[in-house]
Amino acid sequence: GQTLRAQGIGSVISEAAFGANFAELAAAILIMSLTVVLINRFVWRRLYAVASTQYNLSK
Protein backbone atom coordinates (compact mmCIF):
# COMPACT_ATOMS: atom_id res chain seq x y z
CA GLY A 1 0.00 0.00 0.00
CA GLN A 2 3.01 2.29 -0.08
CA THR A 3 3.84 4.57 -2.97
CA LEU A 4 7.51 5.30 -3.48
CA ARG A 5 8.47 8.55 -5.12
CA ALA A 6 11.82 9.55 -6.57
CA GLN A 7 13.22 13.01 -6.15
CA GLY A 8 14.89 15.07 -8.84
CA ILE A 9 14.31 16.88 -12.09
CA GLY A 10 13.07 13.74 -13.85
CA SER A 11 10.40 13.27 -11.24
CA VAL A 12 9.33 16.90 -11.53
CA ILE A 13 9.08 16.60 -15.33
CA SER A 14 7.13 13.36 -15.09
CA GLU A 15 4.66 14.68 -12.54
CA ALA A 16 4.18 17.96 -14.39
CA ALA A 17 3.49 16.09 -17.64
CA PHE A 18 1.11 13.66 -15.93
CA GLY A 19 -0.75 16.50 -14.22
CA ALA A 20 -0.86 18.65 -17.38
CA ASN A 21 0.94 21.47 -15.56
CA PHE A 22 2.58 22.95 -18.64
CA ALA A 23 4.16 25.95 -16.94
CA GLU A 24 6.01 23.73 -14.46
CA LEU A 25 6.90 21.30 -17.24
CA ALA A 26 8.38 24.06 -19.40
CA ALA A 27 10.32 25.49 -16.46
CA ALA A 28 11.76 22.09 -15.51
CA ILE A 29 12.79 21.32 -19.09
CA LEU A 30 14.37 24.77 -19.42
CA ILE A 31 16.35 24.29 -16.19
CA MET A 32 17.47 20.81 -17.25
CA SER A 33 18.55 22.06 -20.69
CA LEU A 34 20.43 25.01 -19.21
CA THR A 35 22.21 22.70 -16.76
CA VAL A 36 23.31 20.37 -19.55
CA VAL A 37 24.60 23.26 -21.68
CA LEU A 38 26.51 24.81 -18.79
CA ILE A 39 28.12 21.52 -17.77
CA ASN A 40 29.09 20.91 -21.39
CA ARG A 41 30.57 24.36 -21.79
CA PHE A 42 32.46 24.68 -18.51
CA VAL A 43 33.38 21.10 -17.62
CA TRP A 44 33.53 18.82 -20.64
CA ARG A 45 35.22 21.33 -22.97
CA ARG A 46 37.98 21.95 -20.47
CA LEU A 47 38.45 18.25 -19.83
CA TYR A 48 38.61 17.61 -23.57
CA ALA A 49 41.20 20.37 -24.00
CA VAL A 50 43.37 18.89 -21.23
CA ALA A 51 43.04 15.38 -22.63
CA SER A 52 43.84 16.45 -26.17
CA THR A 53 47.03 18.26 -25.11
CA GLN A 54 48.26 15.52 -22.79
CA TYR A 55 47.34 12.49 -24.87
CA ASN A 56 47.98 12.46 -28.60
CA LEU A 57 46.10 9.68 -30.34
CA SER A 58 47.48 10.30 -33.83
CA LYS A 59 50.16 8.01 -35.24
PDB file of N, CA and C in Angstrom:
ATOM      1  N   GLY A   1       0.792  -1.204   0.000  1.00  0.00           N
ATOM      2  CA  GLY A   1       0.000   0.000   0.000  1.00  0.00           C
ATOM      3  C   GLY A   1       0.828   1.258   0.000  1.00  0.00           C
ATOM      4  N   GLN A   2       2.157   1.103  -0.081  1.00  0.00           N
ATOM      5  CA  GLN A   2       3.010   2.290  -0.076  1.00  0.00           C
ATOM      6  C   GLN A   2       3.329   2.728  -1.498  1.00  0.00           C
ATOM      7  N   THR A   3       3.415   4.023  -1.684  1.00  0.00           N
ATOM      8  CA  THR A   3       3.839   4.573  -2.971  1.00  0.00           C
ATOM      9  C   THR A   3       5.199   5.216  -2.784  1.00  0.00           C
ATOM     10  N   LEU A   4       6.170   4.735  -3.529  1.00  0.00           N
ATOM     11  CA  LEU A   4       7.511   5.305  -3.476  1.00  0.00           C
ATOM     12  C   LEU A   4       7.633   6.371  -4.546  1.00  0.00           C
ATOM     13  N   ARG A   5       8.347   7.430  -4.211  1.00  0.00           N
ATOM     14  CA  ARG A   5       8.473   8.551  -5.122  1.00  0.00           C
ATOM     15  C   ARG A   5       9.919   8.983  -5.182  1.00  0.00           C
ATOM     16  N   ALA A   6      10.440   9.096  -6.387  1.00  0.00           N
ATOM     17  CA  ALA A   6      11.817   9.546  -6.572  1.00  0.00           C
ATOM     18  C   ALA A   6      11.862  11.068  -6.524  1.00  0.00           C
ATOM     19  N   GLN A   7      13.030  11.576  -6.158  1.00  0.00           N
ATOM     20  CA  GLN A   7      13.223  13.014  -6.154  1.00  0.00           C
ATOM     21  C   GLN A   7      14.126  13.387  -7.311  1.00  0.00           C
ATOM     22  N   GLY A   8      14.008  14.600  -7.792  1.00  0.00           N
ATOM     23  CA  GLY A   8      14.892  15.075  -8.838  1.00  0.00           C
ATOM     24  C   GLY A   8      14.127  15.688  -9.990  1.00  0.00           C
ATOM     25  N   ILE A   9      14.905  16.159 -10.957  1.00  0.00           N
ATOM     26  CA  ILE A   9      14.307  16.875 -12.087  1.00  0.00           C
ATOM     27  C   ILE A   9      13.463  15.944 -12.947  1.00  0.00           C
ATOM     28  N   GLY A  10      13.870  14.688 -13.076  1.00  0.00           N
ATOM     29  CA  GLY A  10      13.075  13.744 -13.854  1.00  0.00           C
ATOM     30  C   GLY A  10      11.706  13.511 -13.248  1.00  0.00           C
ATOM     31  N   SER A  11      11.667  13.439 -11.943  1.00  0.00           N
ATOM     32  CA  SER A  11      10.401  13.271 -11.245  1.00  0.00           C
ATOM     33  C   SER A  11       9.508  14.500 -11.419  1.00  0.00           C
ATOM     34  N   VAL A  12      10.095  15.660 -11.351  1.00  0.00           N
ATOM     35  CA  VAL A  12       9.331  16.899 -11.534  1.00  0.00           C
ATOM     36  C   VAL A  12       8.748  16.949 -12.944  1.00  0.00           C
ATOM     37  N   ILE A  13       9.558  16.595 -13.941  1.00  0.00           N
ATOM     38  CA  ILE A  13       9.083  16.605 -15.330  1.00  0.00           C
ATOM     39  C   ILE A  13       7.962  15.586 -15.509  1.00  0.00           C
ATOM     40  N   SER A  14       8.135  14.404 -14.962  1.00  0.00           N
ATOM     41  CA  SER A  14       7.127  13.364 -15.093  1.00  0.00           C
ATOM     42  C   SER A  14       5.804  13.761 -14.444  1.00  0.00           C
ATOM     43  N   GLU A  15       5.884  14.280 -13.246  1.00  0.00           N
ATOM     44  CA  GLU A  15       4.659  14.677 -12.543  1.00  0.00           C
ATOM     45  C   GLU A  15       3.985  15.860 -13.206  1.00  0.00           C
ATOM     46  N   ALA A  16       4.761  16.812 -13.714  1.00  0.00           N
ATOM     47  CA  ALA A  16       4.177  17.964 -14.395  1.00  0.00           C
ATOM     48  C   ALA A  16       3.488  17.528 -15.690  1.00  0.00           C
ATOM     49  N   ALA A  17       4.100  16.583 -16.403  1.00  0.00           N
ATOM     50  CA  ALA A  17       3.491  16.091 -17.638  1.00  0.00           C
ATOM     51  C   ALA A  17       2.219  15.305 -17.330  1.00  0.00           C
ATOM     52  N   PHE A  18       2.273  14.459 -16.303  1.00  0.00           N
ATOM     53  CA  PHE A  18       1.108  13.659 -15.930  1.00  0.00           C
ATOM     54  C   PHE A  18      -0.043  14.540 -15.458  1.00  0.00           C
ATOM     55  N   GLY A  19       0.281  15.601 -14.744  1.00  0.00           N
ATOM     56  CA  GLY A  19      -0.746  16.496 -14.218  1.00  0.00           C
ATOM     57  C   GLY A  19      -1.137  17.610 -15.165  1.00  0.00           C
ATOM     58  N   ALA A  20      -0.569  17.631 -16.373  1.00  0.00           N
ATOM     59  CA  ALA A  20      -0.857  18.652 -17.383  1.00  0.00           C
ATOM     60  C   ALA A  20      -0.541  20.062 -16.872  1.00  0.00           C
ATOM     61  N   ASN A  21       0.495  20.174 -16.063  1.00  0.00           N
ATOM     62  CA  ASN A  21       0.940  21.466 -15.563  1.00  0.00           C
ATOM     63  C   ASN A  21       2.051  21.962 -16.503  1.00  0.00           C
ATOM     64  N   PHE A  22       1.656  22.611 -17.576  1.00  0.00           N
ATOM     65  CA  PHE A  22       2.581  22.951 -18.644  1.00  0.00           C
ATOM     66  C   PHE A  22       3.581  24.033 -18.272  1.00  0.00           C
ATOM     67  N   ALA A  23       3.212  24.918 -17.382  1.00  0.00           N
ATOM     68  CA  ALA A  23       4.156  25.948 -16.939  1.00  0.00           C
ATOM     69  C   ALA A  23       5.305  25.320 -16.151  1.00  0.00           C
ATOM     70  N   GLU A  24       4.980  24.423 -15.242  1.00  0.00           N
ATOM     71  CA  GLU A  24       6.005  23.731 -14.460  1.00  0.00           C
ATOM     72  C   GLU A  24       6.843  22.812 -15.350  1.00  0.00           C
ATOM     73  N   LEU A  25       6.200  22.167 -16.308  1.00  0.00           N
ATOM     74  CA  LEU A  25       6.899  21.298 -17.244  1.00  0.00           C
ATOM     75  C   LEU A  25       7.902  22.092 -18.078  1.00  0.00           C
ATOM     76  N   ALA A  26       7.482  23.225 -18.598  1.00  0.00           N
ATOM     77  CA  ALA A  26       8.376  24.061 -19.401  1.00  0.00           C
ATOM     78  C   ALA A  26       9.541  24.586 -18.564  1.00  0.00           C
ATOM     79  N   ALA A  27       9.260  24.983 -17.334  1.00  0.00           N
ATOM     80  CA  ALA A  27      10.321  25.494 -16.460  1.00  0.00           C
ATOM     81  C   ALA A  27      11.326  24.399 -16.125  1.00  0.00           C
ATOM     82  N   ALA A  28      10.857  23.198 -15.846  1.00  0.00           N
ATOM     83  CA  ALA A  28      11.755  22.094 -15.506  1.00  0.00           C
ATOM     84  C   ALA A  28      12.616  21.697 -16.703  1.00  0.00           C
ATOM     85  N   ILE A  29      12.020  21.657 -17.890  1.00  0.00           N
ATOM     86  CA  ILE A  29      12.787  21.323 -19.094  1.00  0.00           C
ATOM     87  C   ILE A  29      13.808  22.411 -19.392  1.00  0.00           C
ATOM     88  N   LEU A  30      13.437  23.659 -19.198  1.00  0.00           N
ATOM     89  CA  LEU A  30      14.367  24.768 -19.416  1.00  0.00           C
ATOM     90  C   LEU A  30      15.545  24.688 -18.440  1.00  0.00           C
ATOM     91  N   ILE A  31      15.279  24.413 -17.187  1.00  0.00           N
ATOM     92  CA  ILE A  31      16.346  24.292 -16.190  1.00  0.00           C
ATOM     93  C   ILE A  31      17.252  23.112 -16.514  1.00  0.00           C
ATOM     94  N   MET A  32      16.670  21.984 -16.909  1.00  0.00           N
ATOM     95  CA  MET A  32      17.470  20.814 -17.253  1.00  0.00           C
ATOM     96  C   MET A  32      18.353  21.105 -18.470  1.00  0.00           C
ATOM     97  N   SER A  33      17.789  21.735 -19.479  1.00  0.00           N
ATOM     98  CA  SER A  33      18.552  22.064 -20.686  1.00  0.00           C
ATOM     99  C   SER A  33      19.685  23.031 -20.376  1.00  0.00           C
ATOM    100  N   LEU A  34      19.411  24.033 -19.589  1.00  0.00           N
ATOM    101  CA  LEU A  34      20.429  25.012 -19.207  1.00  0.00           C
ATOM    102  C   LEU A  34      21.553  24.346 -18.418  1.00  0.00           C
ATOM    103  N   THR A  35      21.201  23.431 -17.533  1.00  0.00           N
ATOM    104  CA  THR A  35      22.206  22.703 -16.757  1.00  0.00           C
ATOM    105  C   THR A  35      23.109  21.877 -17.661  1.00  0.00           C
ATOM    106  N   VAL A  36      22.520  21.190 -18.630  1.00  0.00           N
ATOM    107  CA  VAL A  36      23.309  20.371 -19.555  1.00  0.00           C
ATOM    108  C   VAL A  36      24.250  21.246 -20.383  1.00  0.00           C
ATOM    109  N   VAL A  37      23.763  22.359 -20.878  1.00  0.00           N
ATOM    110  CA  VAL A  37      24.597  23.260 -21.685  1.00  0.00           C
ATOM    111  C   VAL A  37      25.740  23.827 -20.852  1.00  0.00           C
ATOM    112  N   LEU A  38      25.468  24.243 -19.638  1.00  0.00           N
ATOM    113  CA  LEU A  38      26.514  24.815 -18.787  1.00  0.00           C
ATOM    114  C   LEU A  38      27.567  23.777 -18.402  1.00  0.00           C
ATOM    115  N   ILE A  39      27.143  22.570 -18.092  1.00  0.00           N
ATOM    116  CA  ILE A  39      28.116  21.518 -17.767  1.00  0.00           C
ATOM    117  C   ILE A  39      28.971  21.218 -18.995  1.00  0.00           C
ATOM    118  N   ASN A  40      28.345  21.158 -20.165  1.00  0.00           N
ATOM    119  CA  ASN A  40      29.090  20.906 -21.389  1.00  0.00           C
ATOM    120  C   ASN A  40      30.114  22.008 -21.651  1.00  0.00           C
ATOM    121  N   ARG A  41      29.693  23.235 -21.478  1.00  0.00           N
ATOM    122  CA  ARG A  41      30.569  24.359 -21.791  1.00  0.00           C
ATOM    123  C   ARG A  41      31.715  24.493 -20.798  1.00  0.00           C
ATOM    124  N   PHE A  42      31.450  24.375 -19.514  1.00  0.00           N
ATOM    125  CA  PHE A  42      32.460  24.683 -18.515  1.00  0.00           C
ATOM    126  C   PHE A  42      33.231  23.476 -17.994  1.00  0.00           C
ATOM    127  N   VAL A  43      32.695  22.279 -18.136  1.00  0.00           N
ATOM    128  CA  VAL A  43      33.380  21.105 -17.616  1.00  0.00           C
ATOM    129  C   VAL A  43      33.955  20.262 -18.744  1.00  0.00           C
ATOM    130  N   TRP A  44      33.086  19.769 -19.624  1.00  0.00           N
ATOM    131  CA  TRP A  44      33.535  18.818 -20.636  1.00  0.00           C
ATOM    132  C   TRP A  44      34.489  19.440 -21.647  1.00  0.00           C
ATOM    133  N   ARG A  45      34.288  20.697 -22.028  1.00  0.00           N
ATOM    134  CA  ARG A  45      35.218  21.334 -22.967  1.00  0.00           C
ATOM    135  C   ARG A  45      36.603  21.462 -22.369  1.00  0.00           C
ATOM    136  N   ARG A  46      36.673  21.828 -21.120  1.00  0.00           N
ATOM    137  CA  ARG A  46      37.982  21.955 -20.468  1.00  0.00           C
ATOM    138  C   ARG A  46      38.648  20.596 -20.306  1.00  0.00           C
ATOM    139  N   LEU A  47      37.889  19.593 -19.946  1.00  0.00           N
ATOM    140  CA  LEU A  47      38.449  18.250 -19.832  1.00  0.00           C
ATOM    141  C   LEU A  47      38.934  17.746 -21.187  1.00  0.00           C
ATOM    142  N   TYR A  48      38.200  18.023 -22.237  1.00  0.00           N
ATOM    143  CA  TYR A  48      38.612  17.611 -23.569  1.00  0.00           C
ATOM    144  C   TYR A  48      39.900  18.328 -23.979  1.00  0.00           C
ATOM    145  N   ALA A  49      39.991  19.616 -23.661  1.00  0.00           N
ATOM    146  CA  ALA A  49      41.202  20.365 -23.996  1.00  0.00           C
ATOM    147  C   ALA A  49      42.417  19.800 -23.264  1.00  0.00           C
ATOM    148  N   VAL A  50      42.274  19.478 -22.007  1.00  0.00           N
ATOM    149  CA  VAL A  50      43.374  18.893 -21.233  1.00  0.00           C
ATOM    150  C   VAL A  50      43.757  17.536 -21.803  1.00  0.00           C
ATOM    151  N   ALA A  51      42.774  16.717 -22.099  1.00  0.00           N
ATOM    152  CA  ALA A  51      43.044  15.383 -22.627  1.00  0.00           C
ATOM    153  C   ALA A  51      43.701  15.450 -23.999  1.00  0.00           C
ATOM    154  N   SER A  52      43.278  16.382 -24.828  1.00  0.00           N
ATOM    155  CA  SER A  52      43.842  16.449 -26.167  1.00  0.00           C
ATOM    156  C   SER A  52      45.276  16.985 -26.166  1.00  0.00           C
ATOM    157  N   THR A  53      45.636  17.782 -25.177  1.00  0.00           N
ATOM    158  CA  THR A  53      47.026  18.263 -25.112  1.00  0.00           C
ATOM    159  C   THR A  53      47.942  17.245 -24.441  1.00  0.00           C
ATOM    160  N   GLN A  54      47.436  16.483 -23.491  1.00  0.00           N
ATOM    161  CA  GLN A  54      48.261  15.515 -22.795  1.00  0.00           C
ATOM    162  C   GLN A  54      48.392  14.203 -23.546  1.00  0.00           C
ATOM    163  N   TYR A  55      47.361  13.800 -24.211  1.00  0.00           N
ATOM    164  CA  TYR A  55      47.345  12.487 -24.875  1.00  0.00           C
ATOM    165  C   TYR A  55      47.103  12.682 -26.360  1.00  0.00           C
ATOM    166  N   ASN A  56      48.096  12.343 -27.151  1.00  0.00           N
ATOM    167  CA  ASN A  56      47.983  12.464 -28.596  1.00  0.00           C
ATOM    168  C   ASN A  56      47.661  11.091 -29.172  1.00  0.00           C
ATOM    169  N   LEU A  57      46.523  10.971 -29.824  1.00  0.00           N
ATOM    170  CA  LEU A  57      46.096   9.682 -30.344  1.00  0.00           C
ATOM    171  C   LEU A  57      46.480   9.481 -31.795  1.00  0.00           C
ATOM    172  N   SER A  58      47.086  10.465 -32.428  1.00  0.00           N
ATOM    173  CA  SER A  58      47.481  10.299 -33.829  1.00  0.00           C
ATOM    174  C   SER A  58      48.755   9.485 -33.920  1.00  0.00           C
ATOM    175  N   LYS A  59      48.980   8.880 -35.068  1.00  0.00           N
ATOM    176  CA  LYS A  59      50.157   8.011 -35.245  1.00  0.00           C
ATOM    177  C   LYS A  59      51.399   8.771 -35.561  1.00  0.00           C
TER     178      LYS A  59
END
